[in-house]
Amino acid sequence: MALADLQPLQYGDPMSERMTTIRALQAARDSDDGRYGVLLENGSMELGYYKPSGTDEQEPHDQDEIYIVQTGSGNFICGEKTIAFAPGDALFVAAGVPHRFVDFSADFAAWVVFYGPKGGES
């Protein structure tokens, strides 16, 4: 089976495929925007991979989310705060909070986990 033939797992599906970086990059490339690909969905949780190019123009999301930086470095603006990030960092964003990555290196990519109810858990 080719990477392009793989679909996100749905709730109740056995996890028979590894969620590898290669598969994640392919999912991002094959997505409608070429930046964010979905790998797994289970209940309210979604696992994706984000690989922006040049600028990050995302809008606030209606669920809480966690970014886990895979590669690259730069700065992350979340609400009124700006923090530096590097590989291995985990960044939390509450639902509805404006956020974006800025001044990031060309190799920047992150795993993304959306979860919980619309509007966030708190």
PDB file of N, CA and C in Angstrom:
ATOM      1  N   MET A   1       0.843  -1.180   0.000  1.00  0.00           N
ATOM      2  CA  MET A   1       0.000   0.000   0.000  1.00  0.00           C
ATOM      3  C   MET A   1       0.888   1.241   0.000  1.00  0.00           C
ATOM      4  N   ALA A   2       0.594   2.193  -0.847  1.00  0.00           N
ATOM      5  CA  ALA A   2       1.348   3.441  -0.920  1.00  0.00           C
ATOM      6  C   ALA A   2       0.930   4.369   0.204  1.00  0.00           C
ATOM      7  N   LEU A   3       1.853   5.255   0.616  1.00  0.00           N
ATOM      8  CA  LEU A   3       1.524   6.214   1.662  1.00  0.00           C
ATOM      9  C   LEU A   3       0.298   7.042   1.309  1.00  0.00           C
ATOM     10  N   ALA A   4       0.148   7.393   0.050  1.00  0.00           N
ATOM     11  CA  ALA A   4      -0.979   8.220  -0.373  1.00  0.00           C
ATOM     12  C   ALA A   4      -2.312   7.502  -0.196  1.00  0.00           C
ATOM     13  N   ASP A   5      -2.304   6.182  -0.104  1.00  0.00           N
ATOM     14  CA  ASP A   5      -3.531   5.403   0.057  1.00  0.00           C
ATOM     15  C   ASP A   5      -3.977   5.296   1.506  1.00  0.00           C
ATOM     16  N   LEU A   6      -3.132   5.693   2.460  1.00  0.00           N
ATOM     17  CA  LEU A   6      -3.465   5.564   3.867  1.00  0.00           C
ATOM     18  C   LEU A   6      -4.439   6.661   4.282  1.00  0.00           C
ATOM     19  N   GLN A   7      -5.470   6.275   4.995  1.00  0.00           N
ATOM     20  CA  GLN A   7      -6.483   7.212   5.485  1.00  0.00           C
ATOM     21  C   GLN A   7      -6.345   7.325   6.997  1.00  0.00           C
ATOM     22  N   PRO A   8      -6.810   8.448   7.599  1.00  0.00           N
ATOM     23  CA  PRO A   8      -6.763   8.554   9.051  1.00  0.00           C
ATOM     24  C   PRO A   8      -7.569   7.416   9.682  1.00  0.00           C
ATOM     25  N   LEU A   9      -7.042   6.872  10.765  1.00  0.00           N
ATOM     26  CA  LEU A   9      -7.793   5.867  11.504  1.00  0.00           C
ATOM     27  C   LEU A   9      -8.998   6.518  12.152  1.00  0.00           C
ATOM     28  N   GLN A  10     -10.093   5.802  12.241  1.00  0.00           N
ATOM     29  CA  GLN A  10     -11.317   6.303  12.850  1.00  0.00           C
ATOM     30  C   GLN A  10     -11.520   5.637  14.199  1.00  0.00           C
ATOM     31  N   TYR A  11     -12.411   6.194  15.004  1.00  0.00           N
ATOM     32  CA  TYR A  11     -12.721   5.654  16.314  1.00  0.00           C
ATOM     33  C   TYR A  11     -13.037   4.166  16.207  1.00  0.00           C
ATOM     34  N   GLY A  12     -12.439   3.369  17.061  1.00  0.00           N
ATOM     35  CA  GLY A  12     -12.696   1.941  17.084  1.00  0.00           C
ATOM     36  C   GLY A  12     -11.802   1.132  16.169  1.00  0.00           C
ATOM     37  N   ASP A  13     -11.088   1.771  15.232  1.00  0.00           N
ATOM     38  CA  ASP A  13     -10.176   1.050  14.352  1.00  0.00           C
ATOM     39  C   ASP A  13      -8.973   0.577  15.168  1.00  0.00           C
ATOM     40  N   PRO A  14      -8.521  -0.640  14.936  1.00  0.00           N
ATOM     41  CA  PRO A  14      -7.291  -1.058  15.613  1.00  0.00           C
ATOM     42  C   PRO A  14      -6.113  -0.280  15.031  1.00  0.00           C
ATOM     43  N   MET A  15      -5.177   0.077  15.859  1.00  0.00           N
ATOM     44  CA  MET A  15      -4.004   0.813  15.372  1.00  0.00           C
ATOM     45  C   MET A  15      -3.022  -0.193  14.791  1.00  0.00           C
ATOM     46  N   SER A  16      -3.141  -0.422  13.504  1.00  0.00           N
ATOM     47  CA  SER A  16      -2.297  -1.394  12.834  1.00  0.00           C
ATOM     48  C   SER A  16      -1.137  -0.725  12.103  1.00  0.00           C
ATOM     49  N   GLU A  17      -1.168   0.579  11.984  1.00  0.00           N
ATOM     50  CA  GLU A  17      -0.104   1.315  11.305  1.00  0.00           C
ATOM     51  C   GLU A  17       0.620   2.194  12.315  1.00  0.00           C
ATOM     52  N   ARG A  18       1.930   2.264  12.193  1.00  0.00           N
ATOM     53  CA  ARG A  18       2.704   3.180  13.030  1.00  0.00           C
ATOM     54  C   ARG A  18       2.515   4.599  12.522  1.00  0.00           C
ATOM     55  N   MET A  19       2.465   5.550  13.433  1.00  0.00           N
ATOM     56  CA  MET A  19       2.367   6.955  13.065  1.00  0.00           C
ATOM     57  C   MET A  19       3.788   7.493  12.962  1.00  0.00           C
ATOM     58  N   THR A  20       4.413   7.264  11.817  1.00  0.00           N
ATOM     59  CA  THR A  20       5.805   7.644  11.605  1.00  0.00           C
ATOM     60  C   THR A  20       5.913   9.062  11.054  1.00  0.00           C
ATOM     61  N   THR A  21       7.095   9.636  11.177  1.00  0.00           N
ATOM     62  CA  THR A  21       7.339  10.961  10.611  1.00  0.00           C
ATOM     63  C   THR A  21       7.177  10.938   9.096  1.00  0.00           C
ATOM     64  N   ILE A  22       7.592   9.870   8.452  1.00  0.00           N
ATOM     65  CA  ILE A  22       7.432   9.775   6.993  1.00  0.00           C
ATOM     66  C   ILE A  22       5.953   9.813   6.626  1.00  0.00           C
ATOM     67  N   ARG A  23       5.160   9.043   7.324  1.00  0.00           N
ATOM     68  CA  ARG A  23       3.715   9.034   7.052  1.00  0.00           C
ATOM     69  C   ARG A  23       3.113  10.415   7.361  1.00  0.00           C
ATOM     70  N   ALA A  24       3.562  11.040   8.444  1.00  0.00           N
ATOM     71  CA  ALA A  24       3.047  12.352   8.834  1.00  0.00           C
ATOM     72  C   ALA A  24       3.372  13.410   7.782  1.00  0.00           C
ATOM     73  N   LEU A  25       4.606  13.439   7.291  1.00  0.00           N
ATOM     74  CA  LEU A  25       4.987  14.402   6.251  1.00  0.00           C
ATOM     75  C   LEU A  25       4.161  14.196   4.987  1.00  0.00           C
ATOM     76  N   GLN A  26       3.931  12.942   4.621  1.00  0.00           N
ATOM     77  CA  GLN A  26       3.126  12.653   3.437  1.00  0.00           C
ATOM     78  C   GLN A  26       1.694  13.133   3.634  1.00  0.00           C
ATOM     79  N   ALA A  27       1.129  12.910   4.823  1.00  0.00           N
ATOM     80  CA  ALA A  27      -0.238  13.363   5.106  1.00  0.00           C
ATOM     81  C   ALA A  27      -0.338  14.884   5.014  1.00  0.00           C
ATOM     82  N   ALA A  28       0.666  15.584   5.529  1.00  0.00           N
ATOM     83  CA  ALA A  28       0.669  17.055   5.438  1.00  0.00           C
ATOM     84  C   ALA A  28       0.769  17.493   3.981  1.00  0.00           C
ATOM     85  N   ARG A  29       1.675  16.893   3.222  1.00  0.00           N
ATOM     86  CA  ARG A  29       1.841  17.254   1.811  1.00  0.00           C
ATOM     87  C   ARG A  29       0.585  17.000   0.990  1.00  0.00           C
ATOM     88  N   ASP A  30      -0.106  15.888   1.301  1.00  0.00           N
ATOM     89  CA  ASP A  30      -1.285  15.495   0.538  1.00  0.00           C
ATOM     90  C   ASP A  30      -2.570  16.199   0.971  1.00  0.00           C
ATOM     91  N   SER A  31      -2.504  16.977   2.039  1.00  0.00           N
ATOM     92  CA  SER A  31      -3.699  17.653   2.552  1.00  0.00           C
ATOM     93  C   SER A  31      -4.124  18.797   1.635  1.00  0.00           C
ATOM     94  N   ASP A  32      -5.319  19.308   1.857  1.00  0.00           N
ATOM     95  CA  ASP A  32      -5.839  20.411   1.037  1.00  0.00           C
ATOM     96  C   ASP A  32      -4.947  21.636   1.075  1.00  0.00           C
ATOM     97  N   ASP A  33      -4.375  21.950   2.259  1.00  0.00           N
ATOM     98  CA  ASP A  33      -3.539  23.146   2.357  1.00  0.00           C
ATOM     99  C   ASP A  33      -2.048  22.850   2.230  1.00  0.00           C
ATOM    100  N   GLY A  34      -1.671  21.565   2.174  1.00  0.00           N
ATOM    101  CA  GLY A  34      -0.271  21.196   2.047  1.00  0.00           C
ATOM    102  C   GLY A  34       0.549  21.432   3.286  1.00  0.00           C
ATOM    103  N   ARG A  35      -0.121  21.732   4.423  1.00  0.00           N
ATOM    104  CA  ARG A  35       0.575  22.053   5.664  1.00  0.00           C
ATOM    105  C   ARG A  35       0.195  21.159   6.834  1.00  0.00           C
ATOM    106  N   TYR A  36      -1.061  20.732   6.882  1.00  0.00           N
ATOM    107  CA  TYR A  36      -1.556  19.975   8.031  1.00  0.00           C
ATOM    108  C   TYR A  36      -2.279  18.723   7.558  1.00  0.00           C
ATOM    109  N   GLY A  37      -1.796  17.568   8.020  1.00  0.00           N
ATOM    110  CA  GLY A  37      -2.424  16.302   7.664  1.00  0.00           C
ATOM    111  C   GLY A  37      -2.911  15.572   8.894  1.00  0.00           C
ATOM    112  N   VAL A  38      -4.064  14.935   8.792  1.00  0.00           N
ATOM    113  CA  VAL A  38      -4.652  14.168   9.889  1.00  0.00           C
ATOM    114  C   VAL A  38      -4.210  12.716   9.773  1.00  0.00           C
ATOM    115  N   LEU A  39      -3.760  12.145  10.900  1.00  0.00           N
ATOM    116  CA  LEU A  39      -3.288  10.765  10.935  1.00  0.00           C
ATOM    117  C   LEU A  39      -4.226   9.837  11.699  1.00  0.00           C
ATOM    118  N   LEU A  40      -4.870  10.339  12.736  1.00  0.00           N
ATOM    119  CA  LEU A  40      -5.670   9.493  13.603  1.00  0.00           C
ATOM    120  C   LEU A  40      -6.800  10.306  14.211  1.00  0.00           C
ATOM    121  N   GLU A  41      -8.002   9.732  14.239  1.00  0.00           N
ATOM    122  CA  GLU A  41      -9.144  10.350  14.910  1.00  0.00           C
ATOM    123  C   GLU A  41      -9.758   9.311  15.837  1.00  0.00           C
ATOM    124  N   ASN A  42     -10.038   9.725  17.071  1.00  0.00           N
ATOM    125  CA  ASN A  42     -10.644   8.826  18.042  1.00  0.00           C
ATOM    126  C   ASN A  42     -11.480   9.661  19.008  1.00  0.00           C
ATOM    127  N   GLY A  43     -12.804   9.532  18.936  1.00  0.00           N
ATOM    128  CA  GLY A  43     -13.665  10.378  19.758  1.00  0.00           C
ATOM    129  C   GLY A  43     -13.406  11.837  19.428  1.00  0.00           C
ATOM    130  N   SER A  44     -13.129  12.642  20.446  1.00  0.00           N
ATOM    131  CA  SER A  44     -12.865  14.065  20.219  1.00  0.00           C
ATOM    132  C   SER A  44     -11.403  14.342  19.869  1.00  0.00           C
ATOM    133  N   MET A  45     -10.547  13.317  19.935  1.00  0.00           N
ATOM    134  CA  MET A  45      -9.115  13.502  19.708  1.00  0.00           C
ATOM    135  C   MET A  45      -8.754  13.357  18.231  1.00  0.00           C
ATOM    136  N   GLU A  46      -7.863  14.244  17.807  1.00  0.00           N
ATOM    137  CA  GLU A  46      -7.319  14.167  16.455  1.00  0.00           C
ATOM    138  C   GLU A  46      -5.812  14.325  16.550  1.00  0.00           C
ATOM    139  N   LEU A  47      -5.075  13.417  15.919  1.00  0.00           N
ATOM    140  CA  LEU A  47      -3.630  13.524  15.822  1.00  0.00           C
ATOM    141  C   LEU A  47      -3.282  13.959  14.414  1.00  0.00           C
ATOM    142  N   GLY A  48      -2.539  15.052  14.317  1.00  0.00           N
ATOM    143  CA  GLY A  48      -2.134  15.554  13.017  1.00  0.00           C
ATOM    144  C   GLY A  48      -0.669  15.930  13.009  1.00  0.00           C
ATOM    145  N   TYR A  49      -0.230  16.403  11.856  1.00  0.00           N
ATOM    146  CA  TYR A  49       1.149  16.828  11.682  1.00  0.00           C
ATOM    147  C   TYR A  49       1.131  18.143  10.926  1.00  0.00           C
ATOM    148  N   TYR A  50       1.856  19.136  11.455  1.00  0.00           N
ATOM    149  CA  TYR A  50       1.846  20.483  10.895  1.00  0.00           C
ATOM    150  C   TYR A  50       3.230  20.822  10.382  1.00  0.00           C
ATOM    151  N   LYS A  51       3.317  21.172   9.099  1.00  0.00           N
ATOM    152  CA  LYS A  51       4.588  21.531   8.450  1.00  0.00           C
ATOM    153  C   LYS A  51       4.357  22.774   7.594  1.00  0.00           C
ATOM    154  N   PRO A  52       4.319  23.962   8.240  1.00  0.00           N
ATOM    155  CA  PRO A  52       4.102  25.179   7.456  1.00  0.00           C
ATOM    156  C   PRO A  52       5.349  25.549   6.657  1.00  0.00           C
ATOM    157  N   SER A  53       5.132  26.367   5.647  1.00  0.00           N
ATOM    158  CA  SER A  53       6.228  26.831   4.815  1.00  0.00           C
ATOM    159  C   SER A  53       6.170  28.349   4.743  1.00  0.00           C
ATOM    160  N   GLY A  54       7.186  29.005   5.255  1.00  0.00           N
ATOM    161  CA  GLY A  54       7.263  30.463   5.180  1.00  0.00           C
ATOM    162  C   GLY A  54       6.531  31.180   6.296  1.00  0.00           C
ATOM    163  N   THR A  55       5.200  31.081   6.305  1.00  0.00           N
ATOM    164  CA  THR A  55       4.405  31.761   7.331  1.00  0.00           C
ATOM    165  C   THR A  55       3.377  30.803   7.922  1.00  0.00           C
ATOM    166  N   ASP A  56       2.936  31.138   9.111  1.00  0.00           N
ATOM    167  CA  ASP A  56       1.892  30.376   9.796  1.00  0.00           C
ATOM    168  C   ASP A  56       0.677  31.294   9.885  1.00  0.00           C
ATOM    169  N   GLU A  57      -0.350  30.975   9.129  1.00  0.00           N
ATOM    170  CA  GLU A  57      -1.525  31.843   9.063  1.00  0.00           C
ATOM    171  C   GLU A  57      -2.760  31.200   9.696  1.00  0.00           C
ATOM    172  N   GLN A  58      -2.554  30.286  10.635  1.00  0.00           N
ATOM    173  CA  GLN A  58      -3.696  29.602  11.218  1.00  0.00           C
ATOM    174  C   GLN A  58      -4.532  30.529  12.092  1.00  0.00           C
ATOM    175  N   GLU A  59      -5.788  30.168  12.228  1.00  0.00           N
ATOM    176  CA  GLU A  59      -6.751  30.885  13.064  1.00  0.00           C
ATOM    177  C   GLU A  59      -6.945  30.098  14.356  1.00  0.00           C
ATOM    178  N   PRO A  60      -7.499  30.731  15.403  1.00  0.00           N
ATOM    179  CA  PRO A  60      -7.775  29.988  16.641  1.00  0.00           C
ATOM    180  C   PRO A  60      -8.681  28.782  16.364  1.00  0.00           C
ATOM    181  N   HIS A  61      -8.486  27.728  17.149  1.00  0.00           N
ATOM    182  CA  HIS A  61      -9.244  26.492  16.978  1.00  0.00           C
ATOM    183  C   HIS A  61     -10.294  26.368  18.074  1.00  0.00           C
ATOM    184  N   ASP A  62     -11.313  25.540  17.827  1.00  0.00           N
ATOM    185  CA  ASP A  62     -12.401  25.422  18.798  1.00  0.00           C
ATOM    186  C   ASP A  62     -12.181  24.305  19.813  1.00  0.00           C
ATOM    187  N   GLN A  63     -11.029  23.625  19.769  1.00  0.00           N
ATOM    188  CA  GLN A  63     -10.664  22.622  20.764  1.00  0.00           C
ATOM    189  C   GLN A  63      -9.316  22.981  21.375  1.00  0.00           C
ATOM    190  N   ASP A  64      -9.054  22.446  22.577  1.00  0.00           N
ATOM    191  CA  ASP A  64      -7.716  22.555  23.160  1.00  0.00           C
ATOM    192  C   ASP A  64      -6.758  21.791  22.258  1.00  0.00           C
ATOM    193  N   GLU A  65      -5.491  22.193  22.275  1.00  0.00           N
ATOM    194  CA  GLU A  65      -4.514  21.493  21.445  1.00  0.00           C
ATOM    195  C   GLU A  65      -3.133  21.510  22.081  1.00  0.00           C
ATOM    196  N   ILE A  66      -2.353  20.529  21.685  1.00  0.00           N
ATOM    197  CA  ILE A  66      -0.961  20.424  22.108  1.00  0.00           C
ATOM    198  C   ILE A  66      -0.115  20.241  20.858  1.00  0.00           C
ATOM    199  N   TYR A  67       0.944  21.039  20.741  1.00  0.00           N
ATOM    200  CA  TYR A  67       1.944  20.871  19.690  1.00  0.00           C
ATOM    201  C   TYR A  67       3.160  20.202  20.330  1.00  0.00           C
ATOM    202  N   ILE A  68       3.721  19.217  19.661  1.00  0.00           N
ATOM    203  CA  ILE A  68       4.984  18.617  20.084  1.00  0.00           C
ATOM    204  C   ILE A  68       5.951  18.825  18.926  1.00  0.00           C
ATOM    205  N   VAL A  69       6.935  19.677  19.146  1.00  0.00           N
ATOM    206  CA  VAL A  69       7.849  20.071  18.084  1.00  0.00           C
ATOM    207  C   VAL A  69       8.738  18.890  17.708  1.00  0.00           C
ATOM    208  N   GLN A  70       8.678  18.512  16.461  1.00  0.00           N
ATOM    209  CA  GLN A  70       9.484  17.404  15.928  1.00  0.00           C
ATOM    210  C   GLN A  70      10.852  17.922  15.490  1.00  0.00           C
ATOM    211  N   THR A  71      10.842  18.957  14.660  1.00  0.00           N
ATOM    212  CA  THR A  71      12.083  19.514  14.134  1.00  0.00           C
ATOM    213  C   THR A  71      11.959  21.035  14.056  1.00  0.00           C
ATOM    214  N   GLY A  72      13.092  21.691  14.027  1.00  0.00           N
ATOM    215  CA  GLY A  72      13.114  23.141  13.831  1.00  0.00           C
ATOM    216  C   GLY A  72      13.046  23.923  15.128  1.00  0.00           C
ATOM    217  N   SER A  73      13.150  25.223  14.957  1.00  0.00           N
ATOM    218  CA  SER A  73      13.113  26.139  16.095  1.00  0.00           C
ATOM    219  C   SER A  73      12.530  27.466  15.626  1.00  0.00           C
ATOM    220  N   GLY A  74      12.186  28.302  16.586  1.00  0.00           N
ATOM    221  CA  GLY A  74      11.628  29.607  16.280  1.00  0.00           C
ATOM    222  C   GLY A  74      10.939  30.172  17.502  1.00  0.00           C
ATOM    223  N   ASN A  75       9.916  30.967  17.266  1.00  0.00           N
ATOM    224  CA  ASN A  75       9.140  31.558  18.351  1.00  0.00           C
ATOM    225  C   ASN A  75       7.676  31.210  18.167  1.00  0.00           C
ATOM    226  N   PHE A  76       6.984  31.103  19.301  1.00  0.00           N
ATOM    227  CA  PHE A  76       5.572  30.752  19.316  1.00  0.00           C
ATOM    228  C   PHE A  76       4.828  31.855  20.048  1.00  0.00           C
ATOM    229  N   ILE A  77       3.866  32.468  19.356  1.00  0.00           N
ATOM    230  CA  ILE A  77       3.028  33.494  19.970  1.00  0.00           C
ATOM    231  C   ILE A  77       1.720  32.824  20.371  1.00  0.00           C
ATOM    232  N   CYS A  78       1.387  32.937  21.642  1.00  0.00           N
ATOM    233  CA  CYS A  78       0.154  32.352  22.176  1.00  0.00           C
ATOM    234  C   CYS A  78      -0.503  33.405  23.056  1.00  0.00           C
ATOM    235  N   GLY A  79      -1.622  33.951  22.562  1.00  0.00           N
ATOM    236  CA  GLY A  79      -2.236  35.061  23.281  1.00  0.00           C
ATOM    237  C   GLY A  79      -1.280  36.245  23.262  1.00  0.00           C
ATOM    238  N   GLU A  80      -0.928  36.742  24.437  1.00  0.00           N
ATOM    239  CA  GLU A  80      -0.029  37.899  24.556  1.00  0.00           C
ATOM    240  C   GLU A  80       1.432  37.495  24.786  1.00  0.00           C
ATOM    241  N   LYS A  81       1.698  36.197  24.873  1.00  0.00           N
ATOM    242  CA  LYS A  81       3.044  35.730  25.194  1.00  0.00           C
ATOM    243  C   LYS A  81       3.760  35.211  23.954  1.00  0.00           C
ATOM    244  N   THR A  82       5.090  35.423  23.932  1.00  0.00           N
ATOM    245  CA  THR A  82       5.950  34.861  22.896  1.00  0.00           C
ATOM    246  C   THR A  82       7.035  34.059  23.593  1.00  0.00           C
ATOM    247  N   ILE A  83       7.206  32.804  23.152  1.00  0.00           N
ATOM    248  CA  ILE A  83       8.249  31.968  23.733  1.00  0.00           C
ATOM    249  C   ILE A  83       9.038  31.289  22.607  1.00  0.00           C
ATOM    250  N   ALA A  84      10.310  31.034  22.883  1.00  0.00           N
ATOM    251  CA  ALA A  84      11.146  30.300  21.944  1.00  0.00           C
ATOM    252  C   ALA A  84      10.792  28.816  22.027  1.00  0.00           C
ATOM    253  N   PHE A  85      10.950  28.101  20.901  1.00  0.00           N
ATOM    254  CA  PHE A  85      10.726  26.656  20.917  1.00  0.00           C
ATOM    255  C   PHE A  85      11.843  25.948  20.167  1.00  0.00           C
ATOM    256  N   ALA A  86      11.994  24.660  20.492  1.00  0.00           N
ATOM    257  CA  ALA A  86      13.016  23.808  19.881  1.00  0.00           C
ATOM    258  C   ALA A  86      12.485  22.371  19.836  1.00  0.00           C
ATOM    259  N   PRO A  87      13.177  21.472  19.128  1.00  0.00           N
ATOM    260  CA  PRO A  87      12.711  20.089  19.043  1.00  0.00           C
ATOM    261  C   PRO A  87      12.480  19.467  20.428  1.00  0.00           C
ATOM    262  N   GLY A  88      11.390  18.752  20.544  1.00  0.00           N
ATOM    263  CA  GLY A  88      11.038  18.086  21.787  1.00  0.00           C
ATOM    264  C   GLY A  88      10.134  18.894  22.691  1.00  0.00           C
ATOM    265  N   ASP A  89       9.978  20.183  22.424  1.00  0.00           N
ATOM    266  CA  ASP A  89       9.108  21.019  23.260  1.00  0.00           C
ATOM    267  C   ASP A  89       7.644  20.677  23.020  1.00  0.00           C
ATOM    268  N   ALA A  90       6.856  20.760  24.080  1.00  0.00           N
ATOM    269  CA  ALA A  90       5.404  20.591  23.996  1.00  0.00           C
ATOM    270  C   ALA A  90       4.772  21.936  24.341  1.00  0.00           C
ATOM    271  N   LEU A  91       3.839  22.381  23.507  1.00  0.00           N
ATOM    272  CA  LEU A  91       3.203  23.691  23.653  1.00  0.00           C
ATOM    273  C   LEU A  91       1.693  23.503  23.728  1.00  0.00           C
ATOM    274  N   PHE A  92       1.071  24.015  24.782  1.00  0.00           N
ATOM    275  CA  PHE A  92      -0.376  23.903  24.960  1.00  0.00           C
ATOM    276  C   PHE A  92      -1.063  25.186  24.525  1.00  0.00           C
ATOM    277  N   VAL A  93      -2.209  25.049  23.855  1.00  0.00           N
ATOM    278  CA  VAL A  93      -3.036  26.192  23.469  1.00  0.00           C
ATOM    279  C   VAL A  93      -4.478  25.875  23.844  1.00  0.00           C
ATOM    280  N   ALA A  94      -5.077  26.725  24.661  1.00  0.00           N
ATOM    281  CA  ALA A  94      -6.487  26.551  25.012  1.00  0.00           C
ATOM    282  C   ALA A  94      -7.361  26.912  23.813  1.00  0.00           C
ATOM    283  N   ALA A  95      -8.500  26.287  23.738  1.00  0.00           N
ATOM    284  CA  ALA A  95      -9.448  26.550  22.647  1.00  0.00           C
ATOM    285  C   ALA A  95      -9.727  28.043  22.537  1.00  0.00           C
ATOM    286  N   GLY A  96      -9.755  28.537  21.296  1.00  0.00           N
ATOM    287  CA  GLY A  96     -10.117  29.925  21.034  1.00  0.00           C
ATOM    288  C   GLY A  96      -9.007  30.945  21.185  1.00  0.00           C
ATOM    289  N   VAL A  97      -7.840  30.548  21.671  1.00  0.00           N
ATOM    290  CA  VAL A  97      -6.744  31.501  21.881  1.00  0.00           C
ATOM    291  C   VAL A  97      -5.972  31.691  20.570  1.00  0.00           C
ATOM    292  N   PRO A  98      -5.807  32.947  20.129  1.00  0.00           N
ATOM    293  CA  PRO A  98      -4.999  33.201  18.929  1.00  0.00           C
ATOM    294  C   PRO A  98      -3.554  32.752  19.158  1.00  0.00           C
ATOM    295  N   HIS A  99      -2.967  32.098  18.157  1.00  0.00           N
ATOM    296  CA  HIS A  99      -1.591  31.618  18.273  1.00  0.00           C
ATOM    297  C   HIS A  99      -1.004  31.408  16.891  1.00  0.00           C
ATOM    298  N   ARG A 100       0.331  31.442  16.843  1.00  0.00           N
ATOM    299  CA  ARG A 100       1.026  31.173  15.582  1.00  0.00           C
ATOM    300  C   ARG A 100       2.517  31.014  15.840  1.00  0.00           C
ATOM    301  N   PHE A 101       3.155  30.336  14.909  1.00  0.00           N
ATOM    302  CA  PHE A 101       4.598  30.176  14.939  1.00  0.00           C
ATOM    303  C   PHE A 101       5.198  31.276  14.063  1.00  0.00           C
ATOM    304  N   VAL A 102       6.263  31.917  14.560  1.00  0.00           N
ATOM    305  CA  VAL A 102       6.926  32.989  13.806  1.00  0.00           C
ATOM    306  C   VAL A 102       8.438  32.766  13.833  1.00  0.00           C
ATOM    307  N   ASP A 103       9.104  33.362  12.862  1.00  0.00           N
ATOM    308  CA  ASP A 103      10.570  33.298  12.791  1.00  0.00           C
ATOM    309  C   ASP A 103      11.064  31.857  12.935  1.00  0.00           C
ATOM    310  N   PHE A 104      10.341  30.905  12.312  1.00  0.00           N
ATOM    311  CA  PHE A 104      10.726  29.506  12.459  1.00  0.00           C
ATOM    312  C   PHE A 104      11.642  29.071  11.317  1.00  0.00           C
ATOM    313  N   SER A 105      12.466  28.081  11.629  1.00  0.00           N
ATOM    314  CA  SER A 105      13.409  27.554  10.650  1.00  0.00           C
ATOM    315  C   SER A 105      12.666  26.774   9.567  1.00  0.00           C
ATOM    316  N   ALA A 106      13.312  26.611   8.418  1.00  0.00           N
ATOM    317  CA  ALA A 106      12.686  25.953   7.273  1.00  0.00           C
ATOM    318  C   ALA A 106      12.342  24.493   7.549  1.00  0.00           C
ATOM    319  N   ASP A 107      13.014  23.878   8.508  1.00  0.00           N
ATOM    320  CA  ASP A 107      12.746  22.470   8.815  1.00  0.00           C
ATOM    321  C   ASP A 107      11.694  22.276   9.910  1.00  0.00           C
ATOM    322  N   PHE A 108      11.033  23.347  10.328  1.00  0.00           N
ATOM    323  CA  PHE A 108      10.048  23.236  11.411  1.00  0.00           C
ATOM    324  C   PHE A 108       8.891  22.319  11.035  1.00  0.00           C
ATOM    325  N   ALA A 109       8.541  21.424  11.971  1.00  0.00           N
ATOM    326  CA  ALA A 109       7.368  20.555  11.864  1.00  0.00           C
ATOM    327  C   ALA A 109       6.977  20.123  13.270  1.00  0.00           C
ATOM    328  N   ALA A 110       5.688  19.888  13.481  1.00  0.00           N
ATOM    329  CA  ALA A 110       5.204  19.509  14.806  1.00  0.00           C
ATOM    330  C   ALA A 110       4.038  18.530  14.718  1.00  0.00           C
ATOM    331  N   TRP A 111       4.000  17.607  15.662  1.00  0.00           N
ATOM    332  CA  TRP A 111       2.825  16.769  15.875  1.00  0.00           C
ATOM    333  C   TRP A 111       1.789  17.656  16.552  1.00  0.00           C
ATOM    334  N   VAL A 112       0.522  17.451  16.256  1.00  0.00           N
ATOM    335  CA  VAL A 112      -0.557  18.255  16.839  1.00  0.00           C
ATOM    336  C   VAL A 112      -1.625  17.309  17.374  1.00  0.00           C
ATOM    337  N   VAL A 113      -2.053  17.564  18.609  1.00  0.00           N
ATOM    338  CA  VAL A 113      -3.142  16.786  19.200  1.00  0.00           C
ATOM    339  C   VAL A 113      -4.261  17.758  19.567  1.00  0.00           C
ATOM    340  N   PHE A 114      -5.417  17.602  18.925  1.00  0.00           N
ATOM    341  CA  PHE A 114      -6.628  18.319  19.301  1.00  0.00           C
ATOM    342  C   PHE A 114      -7.459  17.363  20.150  1.00  0.00           C
ATOM    343  N   TYR A 115      -8.120  17.895  21.183  1.00  0.00           N
ATOM    344  CA  TYR A 115      -8.921  17.018  22.030  1.00  0.00           C
ATOM    345  C   TYR A 115      -9.966  17.818  22.801  1.00  0.00           C
ATOM    346  N   GLY A 116     -10.927  17.106  23.312  1.00  0.00           N
ATOM    347  CA  GLY A 116     -11.934  17.697  24.185  1.00  0.00           C
ATOM    348  C   GLY A 116     -13.084  18.323  23.434  1.00  0.00           C
ATOM    349  N   PRO A 117     -14.021  18.897  24.207  1.00  0.00           N
ATOM    350  CA  PRO A 117     -15.215  19.496  23.607  1.00  0.00           C
ATOM    351  C   PRO A 117     -14.907  20.824  22.934  1.00  0.00           C
ATOM    352  N   LYS A 118     -15.788  21.239  22.021  1.00  0.00           N
ATOM    353  CA  LYS A 118     -15.671  22.577  21.446  1.00  0.00           C
ATOM    354  C   LYS A 118     -15.735  23.583  22.578  1.00  0.00           C
ATOM    355  N   GLY A 119     -14.872  24.576  22.519  1.00  0.00           N
ATOM    356  CA  GLY A 119     -14.790  25.570  23.577  1.00  0.00           C
ATOM    357  C   GLY A 119     -13.754  25.224  24.633  1.00  0.00           C
ATOM    358  N   GLY A 120     -13.193  24.022  24.572  1.00  0.00           N
ATOM    359  CA  GLY A 120     -12.149  23.606  25.519  1.00  0.00           C
ATOM    360  C   GLY A 120     -12.708  22.952  26.764  1.00  0.00           C
ATOM    361  N   GLU A 121     -11.794  22.448  27.567  1.00  0.00           N
ATOM    362  CA  GLU A 121     -12.176  21.720  28.774  1.00  0.00           C
ATOM    363  C   GLU A 121     -12.363  22.616  29.987  1.00  0.00           C
ATOM    364  N   SER A 122     -11.864  23.837  29.960  1.00  0.00           N
ATOM    365  CA  SER A 122     -12.037  24.685  31.145  1.00  0.00           C
ATOM    366  C   SER A 122     -12.570  26.043  30.776  1.00  0.00           C
TER     367      SER A 122
END
